[in-house]
Amino acid sequence: MQTKEETKLEQQAPEGGSPASAPATEAPASPAKKASKKKASKKKASKKKASKKKASKKKASKKKASKKKASKKKASKKKASKKKASKKKASKKKASKKKASKKKASKKKASKKKTSKKKASKKKASKKRGKKRGKKKASAKSLADPMTRVLAAAEELRDALQDMASHEFSHRRGAVEDLRDAARARFSDLEAAAQSSLARLTGKG
């Protein structure tokens, strides 16, 4: 500002004259005015900076809220998926148990039917043998010979032993079949439990 004023004075001054001798037409700006302008400029810059900072904070806050919302949505979906998988697994387990139970009941029924048939057949055979023994007894009575009675008694004893052995064998066989069915059912339960544990460990359930 000072330089501009000096240039102006030099232009107005006569040729060969000194610029110092010319009267001053313009006074220099006061320091207070300069300071006021500087202060206003700083205030303006500070406001601009604060506004930018505020906008940046607002933007960051919005971004954070959006991320939080997305994370919650993701967690909710994951939870729902896990719940669904758990229900499906429980349903499968229930169906498997029901199937195994039906199979077990069917086997038991078949085994009972088989045993009942065997018993009836044996009873029939026993009656037949009883009739034969009766006939033999009658024959033995008609024969007065003691040796014949001894032979008839021995035959009766043999038949009785055979009946007893047959009955024992049938009873044992039935017990073995029941034990086998129980073992199969237990193995089926253990297999289902093992599959369930494996699915839980691998995270495929």
Protein backbone atom coordinates (compact mmCIF):
# COMPACT_ATOMS: atom_id res chain seq x y z
CA MET A 1 0.00 0.00 0.00
CA GLN A 2 2.89 2.33 0.78
CA THR A 3 4.55 1.56 -2.56
CA LYS A 4 1.41 2.39 -4.53
CA GLU A 5 1.16 5.78 -2.85
CA GLU A 6 4.85 6.57 -3.55
CA THR A 7 4.37 5.68 -7.22
CA LYS A 8 1.38 7.98 -7.38
CA LEU A 9 3.37 10.86 -5.86
CA GLU A 10 6.22 10.29 -8.33
CA GLN A 11 3.77 10.50 -11.23
CA GLN A 12 2.25 13.73 -9.91
CA ALA A 13 5.62 15.37 -9.16
CA PRO A 14 7.16 17.79 -11.83
CA GLU A 15 10.12 16.64 -13.88
CA GLY A 16 13.42 16.97 -12.07
CA GLY A 17 11.55 17.64 -8.82
CA SER A 18 11.89 15.53 -5.66
CA PRO A 19 8.97 13.30 -4.60
CA ALA A 20 9.42 14.37 -1.03
CA SER A 21 8.49 18.02 -1.93
CA ALA A 22 5.06 16.98 -3.36
CA PRO A 23 2.03 17.16 -1.01
CA ALA A 24 0.55 13.78 0.10
CA THR A 25 -2.90 13.14 -1.36
CA GLU A 26 -3.63 9.76 0.38
CA ALA A 27 -3.02 8.67 3.99
CA PRO A 28 -1.78 5.07 4.71
CA ALA A 29 -4.30 2.52 6.22
CA SER A 30 -4.31 2.43 10.02
CA PRO A 31 -2.93 -0.63 11.89
CA ALA A 32 -6.27 -1.08 13.70
CA LYS A 33 -8.08 -1.51 10.40
CA LYS A 34 -5.51 -4.07 9.24
CA ALA A 35 -5.84 -6.00 12.48
CA SER A 36 -9.64 -5.97 12.19
CA LYS A 37 -9.47 -7.37 8.67
CA LYS A 38 -7.00 -10.04 9.73
CA LYS A 39 -9.21 -11.00 12.69
CA ALA A 40 -12.30 -11.24 10.46
CA SER A 41 -10.38 -13.40 7.97
CA LYS A 42 -9.20 -15.73 10.78
CA LYS A 43 -12.73 -15.95 12.18
CA LYS A 44 -14.08 -16.85 8.76
CA ALA A 45 -11.39 -19.52 8.27
CA SER A 46 -12.07 -20.93 11.76
CA LYS A 47 -15.81 -21.15 11.04
CA LYS A 48 -15.09 -22.89 7.73
CA LYS A 49 -12.77 -25.35 9.48
CA ALA A 50 -15.35 -26.04 12.23
CA SER A 51 -18.07 -26.59 9.63
CA LYS A 52 -15.87 -29.07 7.76
CA LYS A 53 -15.01 -30.88 10.99
CA LYS A 54 -18.70 -31.08 11.94
CA ALA A 55 -19.64 -32.45 8.49
CA SER A 56 -16.82 -35.01 8.70
CA LYS A 57 -17.97 -36.13 12.17
CA LYS A 58 -21.56 -36.42 10.95
CA LYS A 59 -20.42 -38.51 7.97
CA ALA A 60 -18.32 -40.78 10.21
CA SER A 61 -21.23 -41.18 12.64
CA LYS A 62 -23.57 -42.16 9.80
CA LYS A 63 -21.01 -44.65 8.47
CA LYS A 64 -20.55 -46.17 11.94
CA ALA A 65 -24.33 -46.46 12.45
CA SER A 66 -24.70 -48.09 9.03
CA LYS A 67 -21.95 -50.61 9.85
CA LYS A 68 -23.52 -51.38 13.23
CA LYS A 69 -26.91 -51.91 11.58
CA ALA A 70 -25.40 -54.23 8.95
CA SER A 71 -23.53 -56.19 11.63
CA LYS A 72 -26.74 -56.62 13.67
CA LYS A 73 -28.62 -57.77 10.57
CA LYS A 74 -25.87 -60.28 9.78
CA ALA A 75 -25.83 -61.62 13.36
CA SER A 76 -29.64 -61.92 13.32
CA LYS A 77 -29.53 -63.90 10.05
CA LYS A 78 -26.80 -66.18 11.42
CA LYS A 79 -28.81 -66.81 14.61
CA ALA A 80 -31.95 -67.60 12.60
CA SER A 81 -29.99 -69.97 10.35
CA LYS A 82 -28.53 -71.79 13.39
CA LYS A 83 -32.00 -72.08 14.98
CA LYS A 84 -33.41 -73.50 11.75
CA ALA A 85 -30.56 -76.02 11.46
CA SER A 86 -31.03 -77.05 15.09
CA LYS A 87 -34.77 -77.63 14.54
CA LYS A 88 -34.07 -79.65 11.40
CA LYS A 89 -31.51 -81.77 13.26
CA ALA A 90 -33.91 -82.39 16.16
CA SER A 91 -36.66 -83.35 13.69
CA LYS A 92 -34.35 -85.83 11.95
CA LYS A 93 -33.26 -87.33 15.27
CA LYS A 94 -36.90 -87.73 16.35
CA ALA A 95 -37.83 -89.37 13.04
CA SER A 96 -34.82 -91.72 13.31
CA LYS A 97 -35.81 -92.75 16.85
CA LYS A 98 -39.42 -93.31 15.78
CA LYS A 99 -38.27 -95.45 12.87
CA ALA A 100 -35.95 -97.50 15.11
CA SER A 101 -38.74 -97.96 17.66
CA LYS A 102 -41.16 -99.18 14.97
CA LYS A 103 -38.54 -101.56 13.62
CA LYS A 104 -37.87 -102.91 17.10
CA ALA A 105 -41.59 -103.40 17.79
CA SER A 106 -42.06 -105.15 14.44
CA LYS A 107 -39.15 -107.51 15.15
CA LYS A 108 -40.44 -108.25 18.63
CA LYS A 109 -43.90 -109.03 17.25
CA ALA A 110 -42.46 -111.31 14.57
CA SER A 111 -40.29 -113.07 17.16
CA LYS A 112 -43.29 -113.63 19.44
CA LYS A 113 -45.35 -114.99 16.55
CA LYS A 114 -42.53 -117.33 15.59
CA THR A 115 -42.13 -118.55 19.18
CA SER A 116 -45.89 -119.04 19.49
CA LYS A 117 -45.96 -121.13 16.32
CA LYS A 118 -43.04 -123.23 17.53
CA LYS A 119 -44.74 -123.81 20.88
CA ALA A 120 -47.98 -124.89 19.19
CA SER A 121 -46.09 -127.24 16.90
CA LYS A 122 -44.21 -128.76 19.83
CA LYS A 123 -47.40 -129.14 21.84
CA LYS A 124 -49.01 -130.96 18.95
CA ALA A 125 -46.00 -133.24 18.59
CA SER A 126 -46.01 -133.88 22.35
CA LYS A 127 -49.70 -134.85 22.25
CA LYS A 128 -48.96 -137.20 19.39
CA ARG A 129 -46.13 -138.76 21.33
CA GLY A 130 -48.43 -139.00 24.40
CA LYS A 131 -50.95 -140.95 22.35
CA LYS A 132 -48.20 -143.25 21.17
CA ARG A 133 -47.06 -143.73 24.77
CA GLY A 134 -50.65 -144.51 25.76
CA LYS A 135 -50.85 -147.14 23.06
CA LYS A 136 -47.53 -148.56 24.15
CA LYS A 137 -48.73 -148.66 27.76
CA ALA A 138 -51.83 -150.53 26.75
CA SER A 139 -49.70 -152.92 24.80
CA ALA A 140 -47.36 -153.32 27.76
CA LYS A 141 -50.29 -154.05 30.06
CA SER A 142 -51.49 -156.75 27.76
CA LEU A 143 -48.05 -158.28 27.87
CA ALA A 144 -47.30 -159.76 31.25
CA ASP A 145 -43.61 -160.05 30.57
CA PRO A 146 -41.56 -157.81 32.98
CA MET A 147 -38.89 -157.21 30.35
CA THR A 148 -41.43 -155.65 28.04
CA ARG A 149 -42.57 -153.30 30.83
CA VAL A 150 -38.93 -152.29 31.44
CA LEU A 151 -38.40 -151.52 27.77
CA ALA A 152 -41.66 -149.54 27.63
CA ALA A 153 -40.58 -147.53 30.71
CA ALA A 154 -37.17 -146.87 29.14
CA GLU A 155 -38.84 -145.63 25.96
CA GLU A 156 -41.14 -143.37 27.96
CA LEU A 157 -38.14 -141.95 29.80
CA ARG A 158 -36.37 -141.36 26.54
CA ASP A 159 -39.42 -139.53 25.11
CA ALA A 160 -39.70 -137.44 28.27
CA LEU A 161 -36.00 -136.52 28.06
CA GLN A 162 -36.39 -135.58 24.41
CA ASP A 163 -39.40 -133.36 25.21
CA MET A 164 -37.51 -131.70 28.02
CA ALA A 165 -34.44 -131.12 25.85
CA SER A 166 -36.59 -129.74 23.02
CA HIS A 167 -38.40 -127.40 25.42
CA GLU A 168 -35.09 -126.20 26.89
CA PHE A 169 -33.62 -125.63 23.45
CA SER A 170 -36.70 -123.66 22.35
CA HIS A 171 -36.59 -121.56 25.51
CA ARG A 172 -32.90 -120.80 25.06
CA ARG A 173 -33.31 -120.02 21.41
CA GLY A 174 -36.12 -117.57 22.19
CA ALA A 175 -33.93 -115.90 24.84
CA VAL A 176 -31.04 -115.64 22.35
CA GLU A 177 -33.32 -114.06 19.73
CA ASP A 178 -34.64 -111.54 22.26
CA LEU A 179 -31.07 -110.70 23.27
CA ARG A 180 -30.08 -110.30 19.64
CA ASP A 181 -33.02 -107.95 18.96
CA ALA A 182 -32.15 -105.89 22.03
CA ALA A 183 -28.50 -105.67 20.93
CA ARG A 184 -29.54 -104.58 17.41
CA ALA A 185 -31.83 -101.88 18.80
CA ARG A 186 -29.06 -100.67 21.12
CA PHE A 187 -26.57 -100.60 18.25
CA SER A 188 -29.04 -98.57 16.16
CA ASP A 189 -29.42 -96.04 19.00
CA LEU A 190 -25.63 -95.82 19.41
CA GLU A 191 -25.19 -95.32 15.66
CA ALA A 192 -27.75 -92.50 15.63
CA ALA A 193 -26.05 -90.86 18.63
CA ALA A 194 -22.62 -91.17 16.97
CA GLN A 195 -23.92 -89.59 13.75
CA SER A 196 -25.48 -86.76 15.72
CA SER A 197 -22.22 -86.14 17.62
CA LEU A 198 -20.22 -86.21 14.40
CA ALA A 199 -22.59 -83.74 12.74
CA ARG A 200 -22.34 -81.45 15.78
CA LEU A 201 -18.51 -81.59 15.72
CA THR A 202 -18.20 -80.96 11.99
CA GLY A 203 -20.91 -78.27 12.07
CA LYS A 204 -22.94 -79.87 9.31
CA GLY A 205 -26.05 -80.35 11.46
